[in-house]
Amino acid sequence: MKAKTTSFDQLLDKEKCVNFFVRYGYYIHTEDEGALVLKKTGTLFTFSGEKIPKELSIFFKDNSTELSLKYDASVLFDTGDLQKEFDRILNLMRANMNRMV
């Protein structure tokens, strides 16, 4: 399934992003200078997409930040839950953007 992706015209602070997403159930999977991959645990066998493990990637570029969310498991069909989770994350980020810069 294709990842949900968006970009911000601001360079976000990596450490602040980690602190923000850890509060919402994500943990650091991999990290390097220009990227951060966070994961959220879930169950592989479910009828609800909201319970499937997710992978959130954050790419820190020159003057922008790209955010990408995808399922961290094989999914047979799109239930719309990934988009709902992505929209929830974006709304939380926009409401708290001043804490992440």
PDB file of N, CA and C in Angstrom:
ATOM      1  N   MET A   1       0.832  -1.169   0.000  1.00  0.00           N
ATOM      2  CA  MET A   1       0.000   0.000   0.000  1.00  0.00           C
ATOM      3  C   MET A   1       0.882   1.240   0.000  1.00  0.00           C
ATOM      4  N   LYS A   2       0.490   2.216  -0.755  1.00  0.00           N
ATOM      5  CA  LYS A   2       1.259   3.448  -0.904  1.00  0.00           C
ATOM      6  C   LYS A   2       1.212   4.281   0.381  1.00  0.00           C
ATOM      7  N   ALA A   3       2.339   4.874   0.713  1.00  0.00           N
ATOM      8  CA  ALA A   3       2.447   5.712   1.916  1.00  0.00           C
ATOM      9  C   ALA A   3       1.729   7.037   1.706  1.00  0.00           C
ATOM     10  N   LYS A   4       1.240   7.604   2.797  1.00  0.00           N
ATOM     11  CA  LYS A   4       0.660   8.945   2.801  1.00  0.00           C
ATOM     12  C   LYS A   4       1.798   9.909   3.104  1.00  0.00           C
ATOM     13  N   THR A   5       1.957  10.940   2.279  1.00  0.00           N
ATOM     14  CA  THR A   5       3.112  11.827   2.392  1.00  0.00           C
ATOM     15  C   THR A   5       2.702  13.287   2.276  1.00  0.00           C
ATOM     16  N   THR A   6       3.412  14.123   3.022  1.00  0.00           N
ATOM     17  CA  THR A   6       3.235  15.568   2.912  1.00  0.00           C
ATOM     18  C   THR A   6       4.549  16.252   3.266  1.00  0.00           C
ATOM     19  N   SER A   7       4.663  17.513   2.905  1.00  0.00           N
ATOM     20  CA  SER A   7       5.859  18.301   3.212  1.00  0.00           C
ATOM     21  C   SER A   7       5.464  19.568   3.938  1.00  0.00           C
ATOM     22  N   PHE A   8       6.365  20.024   4.801  1.00  0.00           N
ATOM     23  CA  PHE A   8       6.216  21.295   5.495  1.00  0.00           C
ATOM     24  C   PHE A   8       7.311  22.215   4.986  1.00  0.00           C
ATOM     25  N   ASP A   9       7.001  23.473   4.829  1.00  0.00           N
ATOM     26  CA  ASP A   9       7.977  24.455   4.353  1.00  0.00           C
ATOM     27  C   ASP A   9       8.848  24.985   5.481  1.00  0.00           C
ATOM     28  N   GLN A  10       8.980  24.202   6.540  1.00  0.00           N
ATOM     29  CA  GLN A  10       9.805  24.553   7.681  1.00  0.00           C
ATOM     30  C   GLN A  10      10.701  23.373   8.012  1.00  0.00           C
ATOM     31  N   LEU A  11      11.875  23.666   8.489  1.00  0.00           N
ATOM     32  CA  LEU A  11      12.763  22.614   8.978  1.00  0.00           C
ATOM     33  C   LEU A  11      12.442  22.386  10.446  1.00  0.00           C
ATOM     34  N   LEU A  12      11.889  21.217  10.757  1.00  0.00           N
ATOM     35  CA  LEU A  12      11.535  20.888  12.131  1.00  0.00           C
ATOM     36  C   LEU A  12      12.753  20.379  12.880  1.00  0.00           C
ATOM     37  N   ASP A  13      12.739  20.523  14.180  1.00  0.00           N
ATOM     38  CA  ASP A  13      13.813  20.054  15.042  1.00  0.00           C
ATOM     39  C   ASP A  13      13.630  18.559  15.300  1.00  0.00           C
ATOM     40  N   LYS A  14      14.671  17.772  14.997  1.00  0.00           N
ATOM     41  CA  LYS A  14      14.572  16.317  15.106  1.00  0.00           C
ATOM     42  C   LYS A  14      14.266  15.867  16.535  1.00  0.00           C
ATOM     43  N   GLU A  15      14.965  16.410  17.507  1.00  0.00           N
ATOM     44  CA  GLU A  15      14.771  16.011  18.909  1.00  0.00           C
ATOM     45  C   GLU A  15      13.359  16.338  19.389  1.00  0.00           C
ATOM     46  N   LYS A  16      12.848  17.477  18.978  1.00  0.00           N
ATOM     47  CA  LYS A  16      11.491  17.860  19.357  1.00  0.00           C
ATOM     48  C   LYS A  16      10.460  16.952  18.690  1.00  0.00           C
ATOM     49  N   CYS A  17      10.738  16.526  17.464  1.00  0.00           N
ATOM     50  CA  CYS A  17       9.848  15.584  16.778  1.00  0.00           C
ATOM     51  C   CYS A  17       9.797  14.247  17.520  1.00  0.00           C
ATOM     52  N   VAL A  18      10.964  13.770  17.943  1.00  0.00           N
ATOM     53  CA  VAL A  18      11.022  12.510  18.696  1.00  0.00           C
ATOM     54  C   VAL A  18      10.184  12.634  19.960  1.00  0.00           C
ATOM     55  N   ASN A  19      10.416  13.682  20.728  1.00  0.00           N
ATOM     56  CA  ASN A  19       9.666  13.880  21.975  1.00  0.00           C
ATOM     57  C   ASN A  19       8.164  13.963  21.729  1.00  0.00           C
ATOM     58  N   PHE A  20       7.778  14.618  20.649  1.00  0.00           N
ATOM     59  CA  PHE A  20       6.368  14.772  20.316  1.00  0.00           C
ATOM     60  C   PHE A  20       5.725  13.422  19.998  1.00  0.00           C
ATOM     61  N   PHE A  21       6.364  12.644  19.120  1.00  0.00           N
ATOM     62  CA  PHE A  21       5.747  11.399  18.674  1.00  0.00           C
ATOM     63  C   PHE A  21       5.834  10.266  19.689  1.00  0.00           C
ATOM     64  N   VAL A  22       6.815  10.303  20.561  1.00  0.00           N
ATOM     65  CA  VAL A  22       6.894   9.294  21.621  1.00  0.00           C
ATOM     66  C   VAL A  22       5.652   9.379  22.515  1.00  0.00           C
ATOM     67  N   ARG A  23       5.157  10.581  22.711  1.00  0.00           N
ATOM     68  CA  ARG A  23       3.933  10.758  23.515  1.00  0.00           C
ATOM     69  C   ARG A  23       2.714  10.125  22.863  1.00  0.00           C
ATOM     70  N   TYR A  24       2.764   9.880  21.563  1.00  0.00           N
ATOM     71  CA  TYR A  24       1.633   9.296  20.855  1.00  0.00           C
ATOM     72  C   TYR A  24       1.863   7.838  20.465  1.00  0.00           C
ATOM     73  N   GLY A  25       2.769   7.168  21.173  1.00  0.00           N
ATOM     74  CA  GLY A  25       2.939   5.726  21.004  1.00  0.00           C
ATOM     75  C   GLY A  25       3.988   5.289  20.007  1.00  0.00           C
ATOM     76  N   TYR A  26       4.727   6.199  19.417  1.00  0.00           N
ATOM     77  CA  TYR A  26       5.777   5.839  18.465  1.00  0.00           C
ATOM     78  C   TYR A  26       7.106   5.659  19.190  1.00  0.00           C
ATOM     79  N   TYR A  27       7.981   4.858  18.617  1.00  0.00           N
ATOM     80  CA  TYR A  27       9.327   4.690  19.157  1.00  0.00           C
ATOM     81  C   TYR A  27      10.330   4.779  18.018  1.00  0.00           C
ATOM     82  N   ILE A  28      11.576   5.124  18.341  1.00  0.00           N
ATOM     83  CA  ILE A  28      12.613   5.282  17.321  1.00  0.00           C
ATOM     84  C   ILE A  28      13.027   3.915  16.804  1.00  0.00           C
ATOM     85  N   HIS A  29      12.969   3.767  15.486  1.00  0.00           N
ATOM     86  CA  HIS A  29      13.442   2.536  14.848  1.00  0.00           C
ATOM     87  C   HIS A  29      14.842   2.750  14.287  1.00  0.00           C
ATOM     88  N   THR A  30      14.998   3.770  13.467  1.00  0.00           N
ATOM     89  CA  THR A  30      16.315   4.137  12.941  1.00  0.00           C
ATOM     90  C   THR A  30      16.421   5.656  12.890  1.00  0.00           C
ATOM     91  N   GLU A  31      17.658   6.114  12.937  1.00  0.00           N
ATOM     92  CA  GLU A  31      17.889   7.549  12.933  1.00  0.00           C
ATOM     93  C   GLU A  31      19.237   7.825  12.290  1.00  0.00           C
ATOM     94  N   ASP A  32      19.276   8.825  11.447  1.00  0.00           N
ATOM     95  CA  ASP A  32      20.542   9.343  10.942  1.00  0.00           C
ATOM     96  C   ASP A  32      20.407  10.857  10.820  1.00  0.00           C
ATOM     97  N   GLU A  33      21.402  11.483  10.252  1.00  0.00           N
ATOM     98  CA  GLU A  33      21.426  12.949  10.240  1.00  0.00           C
ATOM     99  C   GLU A  33      20.233  13.573   9.527  1.00  0.00           C
ATOM    100  N   GLY A  34      19.802  12.980   8.424  1.00  0.00           N
ATOM    101  CA  GLY A  34      18.752  13.594   7.632  1.00  0.00           C
ATOM    102  C   GLY A  34      17.407  12.898   7.684  1.00  0.00           C
ATOM    103  N   ALA A  35      17.297  11.830   8.459  1.00  0.00           N
ATOM    104  CA  ALA A  35      16.037  11.092   8.488  1.00  0.00           C
ATOM    105  C   ALA A  35      15.809  10.451   9.853  1.00  0.00           C
ATOM    106  N   LEU A  36      14.547  10.219  10.117  1.00  0.00           N
ATOM    107  CA  LEU A  36      14.125   9.594  11.360  1.00  0.00           C
ATOM    108  C   LEU A  36      12.992   8.637  11.015  1.00  0.00           C
ATOM    109  N   VAL A  37      13.095   7.391  11.444  1.00  0.00           N
ATOM    110  CA  VAL A  37      12.036   6.416  11.216  1.00  0.00           C
ATOM    111  C   VAL A  37      11.505   5.983  12.572  1.00  0.00           C
ATOM    112  N   LEU A  38      10.221   6.234  12.762  1.00  0.00           N
ATOM    113  CA  LEU A  38       9.535   5.871  14.004  1.00  0.00           C
ATOM    114  C   LEU A  38       8.513   4.790  13.693  1.00  0.00           C
ATOM    115  N   LYS A  39       8.279   3.921  14.641  1.00  0.00           N
ATOM    116  CA  LYS A  39       7.283   2.872  14.449  1.00  0.00           C
ATOM    117  C   LYS A  39       6.299   2.879  15.603  1.00  0.00           C
ATOM    118  N   LYS A  40       5.106   2.387  15.311  1.00  0.00           N
ATOM    119  CA  LYS A  40       4.054   2.238  16.313  1.00  0.00           C
ATOM    120  C   LYS A  40       3.601   0.790  16.265  1.00  0.00           C
ATOM    121  N   THR A  41       3.618   0.140  17.405  1.00  0.00           N
ATOM    122  CA  THR A  41       3.279  -1.278  17.443  1.00  0.00           C
ATOM    123  C   THR A  41       1.793  -1.492  17.210  1.00  0.00           C
ATOM    124  N   GLY A  42       1.471  -2.694  16.822  1.00  0.00           N
ATOM    125  CA  GLY A  42       0.092  -3.084  16.576  1.00  0.00           C
ATOM    126  C   GLY A  42       0.038  -4.585  16.405  1.00  0.00           C
ATOM    127  N   THR A  43      -1.051  -5.064  15.913  1.00  0.00           N
ATOM    128  CA  THR A  43      -1.211  -6.484  15.685  1.00  0.00           C
ATOM    129  C   THR A  43      -1.297  -6.749  14.184  1.00  0.00           C
ATOM    130  N   LEU A  44      -0.739  -7.867  13.753  1.00  0.00           N
ATOM    131  CA  LEU A  44      -0.720  -8.179  12.324  1.00  0.00           C
ATOM    132  C   LEU A  44      -2.033  -8.753  11.824  1.00  0.00           C
ATOM    133  N   PHE A  45      -2.764  -9.431  12.680  1.00  0.00           N
ATOM    134  CA  PHE A  45      -4.013 -10.063  12.263  1.00  0.00           C
ATOM    135  C   PHE A  45      -5.186  -9.295  12.865  1.00  0.00           C
ATOM    136  N   THR A  46      -5.773  -8.442  12.047  1.00  0.00           N
ATOM    137  CA  THR A  46      -6.872  -7.612  12.516  1.00  0.00           C
ATOM    138  C   THR A  46      -7.759  -7.231  11.335  1.00  0.00           C
ATOM    139  N   PHE A  47      -8.980  -6.914  11.630  1.00  0.00           N
ATOM    140  CA  PHE A  47      -9.899  -6.433  10.605  1.00  0.00           C
ATOM    141  C   PHE A  47      -9.945  -4.914  10.573  1.00  0.00           C
ATOM    142  N   SER A  48      -9.279  -4.300  11.542  1.00  0.00           N
ATOM    143  CA  SER A  48      -9.270  -2.853  11.649  1.00  0.00           C
ATOM    144  C   SER A  48      -7.879  -2.319  11.344  1.00  0.00           C
ATOM    145  N   GLY A  49      -7.772  -1.419  10.385  1.00  0.00           N
ATOM    146  CA  GLY A  49      -6.484  -0.861  10.004  1.00  0.00           C
ATOM    147  C   GLY A  49      -5.842  -0.013  11.084  1.00  0.00           C
ATOM    148  N   GLU A  50      -6.651   0.497  12.001  1.00  0.00           N
ATOM    149  CA  GLU A  50      -6.090   1.339  13.059  1.00  0.00           C
ATOM    150  C   GLU A  50      -5.203   0.553  14.014  1.00  0.00           C
ATOM    151  N   LYS A  51      -5.334  -0.770  14.046  1.00  0.00           N
ATOM    152  CA  LYS A  51      -4.530  -1.591  14.964  1.00  0.00           C
ATOM    153  C   LYS A  51      -3.295  -2.198  14.299  1.00  0.00           C
ATOM    154  N   ILE A  52      -3.105  -1.958  13.016  1.00  0.00           N
ATOM    155  CA  ILE A  52      -1.955  -2.488  12.287  1.00  0.00           C
ATOM    156  C   ILE A  52      -0.723  -1.646  12.628  1.00  0.00           C
ATOM    157  N   PRO A  53       0.467  -2.263  12.759  1.00  0.00           N
ATOM    158  CA  PRO A  53       1.686  -1.484  13.027  1.00  0.00           C
ATOM    159  C   PRO A  53       1.919  -0.444  11.926  1.00  0.00           C
ATOM    160  N   LYS A  54       2.466   0.691  12.329  1.00  0.00           N
ATOM    161  CA  LYS A  54       2.703   1.769  11.371  1.00  0.00           C
ATOM    162  C   LYS A  54       4.141   2.239  11.426  1.00  0.00           C
ATOM    163  N   GLU A  55       4.600   2.784  10.308  1.00  0.00           N
ATOM    164  CA  GLU A  55       5.944   3.338  10.205  1.00  0.00           C
ATOM    165  C   GLU A  55       5.828   4.788   9.764  1.00  0.00           C
ATOM    166  N   LEU A  56       6.389   5.673  10.568  1.00  0.00           N
ATOM    167  CA  LEU A  56       6.374   7.099  10.299  1.00  0.00           C
ATOM    168  C   LEU A  56       7.799   7.537   9.991  1.00  0.00           C
ATOM    169  N   SER A  57       8.009   8.054   8.782  1.00  0.00           N
ATOM    170  CA  SER A  57       9.337   8.515   8.368  1.00  0.00           C
ATOM    171  C   SER A  57       9.317  10.034   8.273  1.00  0.00           C
ATOM    172  N   ILE A  58      10.373  10.640   8.811  1.00  0.00           N
ATOM    173  CA  ILE A  58      10.511  12.088   8.746  1.00  0.00           C
ATOM    174  C   ILE A  58      11.858  12.387   8.104  1.00  0.00           C
ATOM    175  N   PHE A  59      11.838  13.121   7.002  1.00  0.00           N
ATOM    176  CA  PHE A  59      13.048  13.471   6.270  1.00  0.00           C
ATOM    177  C   PHE A  59      13.301  14.964   6.436  1.00  0.00           C
ATOM    178  N   PHE A  60      14.461  15.299   6.971  1.00  0.00           N
ATOM    179  CA  PHE A  60      14.840  16.682   7.228  1.00  0.00           C
ATOM    180  C   PHE A  60      15.709  17.165   6.069  1.00  0.00           C
ATOM    181  N   LYS A  61      15.177  18.093   5.288  1.00  0.00           N
ATOM    182  CA  LYS A  61      15.889  18.616   4.129  1.00  0.00           C
ATOM    183  C   LYS A  61      16.359  20.032   4.432  1.00  0.00           C
ATOM    184  N   ASP A  62      16.887  20.742   3.446  1.00  0.00           N
ATOM    185  CA  ASP A  62      17.470  22.072   3.661  1.00  0.00           C
ATOM    186  C   ASP A  62      16.544  23.007   4.442  1.00  0.00           C
ATOM    187  N   ASN A  63      15.425  23.337   3.879  1.00  0.00           N
ATOM    188  CA  ASN A  63      14.488  24.250   4.538  1.00  0.00           C
ATOM    189  C   ASN A  63      13.084  23.671   4.590  1.00  0.00           C
ATOM    190  N   SER A  64      12.980  22.350   4.577  1.00  0.00           N
ATOM    191  CA  SER A  64      11.676  21.707   4.619  1.00  0.00           C
ATOM    192  C   SER A  64      11.778  20.362   5.344  1.00  0.00           C
ATOM    193  N   THR A  65      10.635  19.830   5.662  1.00  0.00           N
ATOM    194  CA  THR A  65      10.544  18.539   6.331  1.00  0.00           C
ATOM    195  C   THR A  65       9.465  17.734   5.629  1.00  0.00           C
ATOM    196  N   GLU A  66       9.769  16.485   5.305  1.00  0.00           N
ATOM    197  CA  GLU A  66       8.802  15.610   4.648  1.00  0.00           C
ATOM    198  C   GLU A  66       8.383  14.523   5.629  1.00  0.00           C
ATOM    199  N   LEU A  67       7.090  14.286   5.694  1.00  0.00           N
ATOM    200  CA  LEU A  67       6.517  13.306   6.606  1.00  0.00           C
ATOM    201  C   LEU A  67       5.822  12.230   5.784  1.00  0.00           C
ATOM    202  N   SER A  68       6.049  10.964   6.123  1.00  0.00           N
ATOM    203  CA  SER A  68       5.464   9.856   5.387  1.00  0.00           C
ATOM    204  C   SER A  68       4.991   8.788   6.362  1.00  0.00           C
ATOM    205  N   LEU A  69       3.758   8.317   6.195  1.00  0.00           N
ATOM    206  CA  LEU A  69       3.188   7.287   7.061  1.00  0.00           C
ATOM    207  C   LEU A  69       2.732   6.123   6.204  1.00  0.00           C
ATOM    208  N   LYS A  70       3.107   4.915   6.622  1.00  0.00           N
ATOM    209  CA  LYS A  70       2.654   3.720   5.921  1.00  0.00           C
ATOM    210  C   LYS A  70       2.444   2.603   6.934  1.00  0.00           C
ATOM    211  N   TYR A  71       1.717   1.578   6.496  1.00  0.00           N
ATOM    212  CA  TYR A  71       1.552   0.400   7.338  1.00  0.00           C
ATOM    213  C   TYR A  71       2.878  -0.335   7.405  1.00  0.00           C
ATOM    214  N   ASP A  72       3.187  -0.893   8.547  1.00  0.00           N
ATOM    215  CA  ASP A  72       4.409  -1.667   8.732  1.00  0.00           C
ATOM    216  C   ASP A  72       4.085  -3.160   8.665  1.00  0.00           C
ATOM    217  N   ALA A  73       3.204  -3.516   7.767  1.00  0.00           N
ATOM    218  CA  ALA A  73       2.780  -4.905   7.557  1.00  0.00           C
ATOM    219  C   ALA A  73       2.084  -4.979   6.198  1.00  0.00           C
ATOM    220  N   SER A  74       1.899  -6.172   5.709  1.00  0.00           N
ATOM    221  CA  SER A  74       1.165  -6.347   4.456  1.00  0.00           C
ATOM    222  C   SER A  74      -0.324  -6.156   4.709  1.00  0.00           C
ATOM    223  N   VAL A  75      -0.958  -5.394   3.815  1.00  0.00           N
ATOM    224  CA  VAL A  75      -2.377  -5.091   3.949  1.00  0.00           C
ATOM    225  C   VAL A  75      -3.065  -5.501   2.657  1.00  0.00           C
ATOM    226  N   LEU A  76      -4.190  -6.193   2.785  1.00  0.00           N
ATOM    227  CA  LEU A  76      -4.899  -6.664   1.601  1.00  0.00           C
ATOM    228  C   LEU A  76      -5.733  -5.579   0.924  1.00  0.00           C
ATOM    229  N   PHE A  77      -6.316  -4.695   1.711  1.00  0.00           N
ATOM    230  CA  PHE A  77      -7.150  -3.638   1.131  1.00  0.00           C
ATOM    231  C   PHE A  77      -7.108  -2.399   2.019  1.00  0.00           C
ATOM    232  N   ASP A  78      -7.447  -1.279   1.443  1.00  0.00           N
ATOM    233  CA  ASP A  78      -7.414  -0.001   2.147  1.00  0.00           C
ATOM    234  C   ASP A  78      -8.737   0.222   2.865  1.00  0.00           C
ATOM    235  N   THR A  79      -8.668   0.328   4.171  1.00  0.00           N
ATOM    236  CA  THR A  79      -9.869   0.580   4.973  1.00  0.00           C
ATOM    237  C   THR A  79     -10.082   2.066   5.224  1.00  0.00           C
ATOM    238  N   GLY A  80      -9.110   2.889   4.848  1.00  0.00           N
ATOM    239  CA  GLY A  80      -9.189   4.316   5.094  1.00  0.00           C
ATOM    240  C   GLY A  80      -8.591   4.729   6.425  1.00  0.00           C
ATOM    241  N   ASP A  81      -8.200   3.746   7.232  1.00  0.00           N
ATOM    242  CA  ASP A  81      -7.647   4.044   8.557  1.00  0.00           C
ATOM    243  C   ASP A  81      -6.281   4.709   8.484  1.00  0.00           C
ATOM    244  N   LEU A  82      -5.482   4.395   7.476  1.00  0.00           N
ATOM    245  CA  LEU A  82      -4.172   5.019   7.351  1.00  0.00           C
ATOM    246  C   LEU A  82      -4.325   6.523   7.093  1.00  0.00           C
ATOM    247  N   GLN A  83      -5.242   6.891   6.236  1.00  0.00           N
ATOM    248  CA  GLN A  83      -5.490   8.314   5.962  1.00  0.00           C
ATOM    249  C   GLN A  83      -6.017   9.012   7.199  1.00  0.00           C
ATOM    250  N   LYS A  84      -6.897   8.356   7.960  1.00  0.00           N
ATOM    251  CA  LYS A  84      -7.414   8.952   9.195  1.00  0.00           C
ATOM    252  C   LYS A  84      -6.282   9.196  10.190  1.00  0.00           C
ATOM    253  N   GLU A  85      -5.397   8.221  10.349  1.00  0.00           N
ATOM    254  CA  GLU A  85      -4.256   8.368  11.259  1.00  0.00           C
ATOM    255  C   GLU A  85      -3.331   9.480  10.770  1.00  0.00           C
ATOM    256  N   PHE A  86      -3.094   9.542   9.473  1.00  0.00           N
ATOM    257  CA  PHE A  86      -2.238  10.581   8.898  1.00  0.00           C
ATOM    258  C   PHE A  86      -2.845  11.967   9.128  1.00  0.00           C
ATOM    259  N   ASP A  87      -4.143  12.090   8.914  1.00  0.00           N
ATOM    260  CA  ASP A  87      -4.823  13.367   9.150  1.00  0.00           C
ATOM    261  C   ASP A  87      -4.752  13.756  10.623  1.00  0.00           C
ATOM    262  N   ARG A  88      -4.891  12.794  11.514  1.00  0.00           N
ATOM    263  CA  ARG A  88      -4.801  13.055  12.951  1.00  0.00           C
ATOM    264  C   ARG A  88      -3.407  13.568  13.314  1.00  0.00           C
ATOM    265  N   ILE A  89      -2.381  12.925  12.756  1.00  0.00           N
ATOM    266  CA  ILE A  89      -0.996  13.352  12.999  1.00  0.00           C
ATOM    267  C   ILE A  89      -0.772  14.765  12.478  1.00  0.00           C
ATOM    268  N   LEU A  90      -1.239  15.046  11.276  1.00  0.00           N
ATOM    269  CA  LEU A  90      -1.064  16.382  10.693  1.00  0.00           C
ATOM    270  C   LEU A  90      -1.772  17.452  11.516  1.00  0.00           C
ATOM    271  N   ASN A  91      -2.974  17.158  11.987  1.00  0.00           N
ATOM    272  CA  ASN A  91      -3.696  18.118  12.815  1.00  0.00           C
ATOM    273  C   ASN A  91      -2.962  18.370  14.132  1.00  0.00           C
ATOM    274  N   LEU A  92      -2.439  17.314  14.749  1.00  0.00           N
ATOM    275  CA  LEU A  92      -1.663  17.469  15.982  1.00  0.00           C
ATOM    276  C   LEU A  92      -0.402  18.289  15.735  1.00  0.00           C
ATOM    277  N   MET A  93       0.265  18.011  14.620  1.00  0.00           N
ATOM    278  CA  MET A  93       1.485  18.746  14.301  1.00  0.00           C
ATOM    279  C   MET A  93       1.195  20.220  14.040  1.00  0.00           C
ATOM    280  N   ARG A  94       0.167  20.497  13.286  1.00  0.00           N
ATOM    281  CA  ARG A  94      -0.162  21.898  12.978  1.00  0.00           C
ATOM    282  C   ARG A  94      -0.538  22.663  14.250  1.00  0.00           C
ATOM    283  N   ALA A  95      -1.244  22.000  15.157  1.00  0.00           N
ATOM    284  CA  ALA A  95      -1.645  22.644  16.414  1.00  0.00           C
ATOM    285  C   ALA A  95      -0.443  22.886  17.324  1.00  0.00           C
ATOM    286  N   ASN A  96       0.622  22.088  17.154  1.00  0.00           N
ATOM    287  CA  ASN A  96       1.800  22.181  18.023  1.00  0.00           C
ATOM    288  C   ASN A  96       3.068  22.532  17.265  1.00  0.00           C
ATOM    289  N   MET A  97       2.935  23.151  16.100  1.00  0.00           N
ATOM    290  CA  MET A  97       4.089  23.429  15.243  1.00  0.00           C
ATOM    291  C   MET A  97       5.132  24.291  15.950  1.00  0.00           C
ATOM    292  N   ASN A  98       4.716  25.240  16.756  1.00  0.00           N
ATOM    293  CA  ASN A  98       5.672  26.113  17.429  1.00  0.00           C
ATOM    294  C   ASN A  98       6.545  25.339  18.425  1.00  0.00           C
ATOM    295  N   ARG A  99       6.112  24.176  18.867  1.00  0.00           N
ATOM    296  CA  ARG A  99       6.895  23.331  19.773  1.00  0.00           C
ATOM    297  C   ARG A  99       7.863  22.424  19.032  1.00  0.00           C
ATOM    298  N   MET A 100       7.778  22.370  17.719  1.00  0.00           N
ATOM    299  CA  MET A 100       8.566  21.434  16.942  1.00  0.00           C
ATOM    300  C   MET A 100       9.622  22.120  16.072  1.00  0.00           C
ATOM    301  N   VAL A 101       9.649  23.426  16.061  1.00  0.00           N
ATOM    302  CA  VAL A 101      10.599  24.172  15.222  1.00  0.00           C
ATOM    303  C   VAL A 101      11.865  24.451  15.998  1.00  0.00           C
TER     304      VAL A 101
END
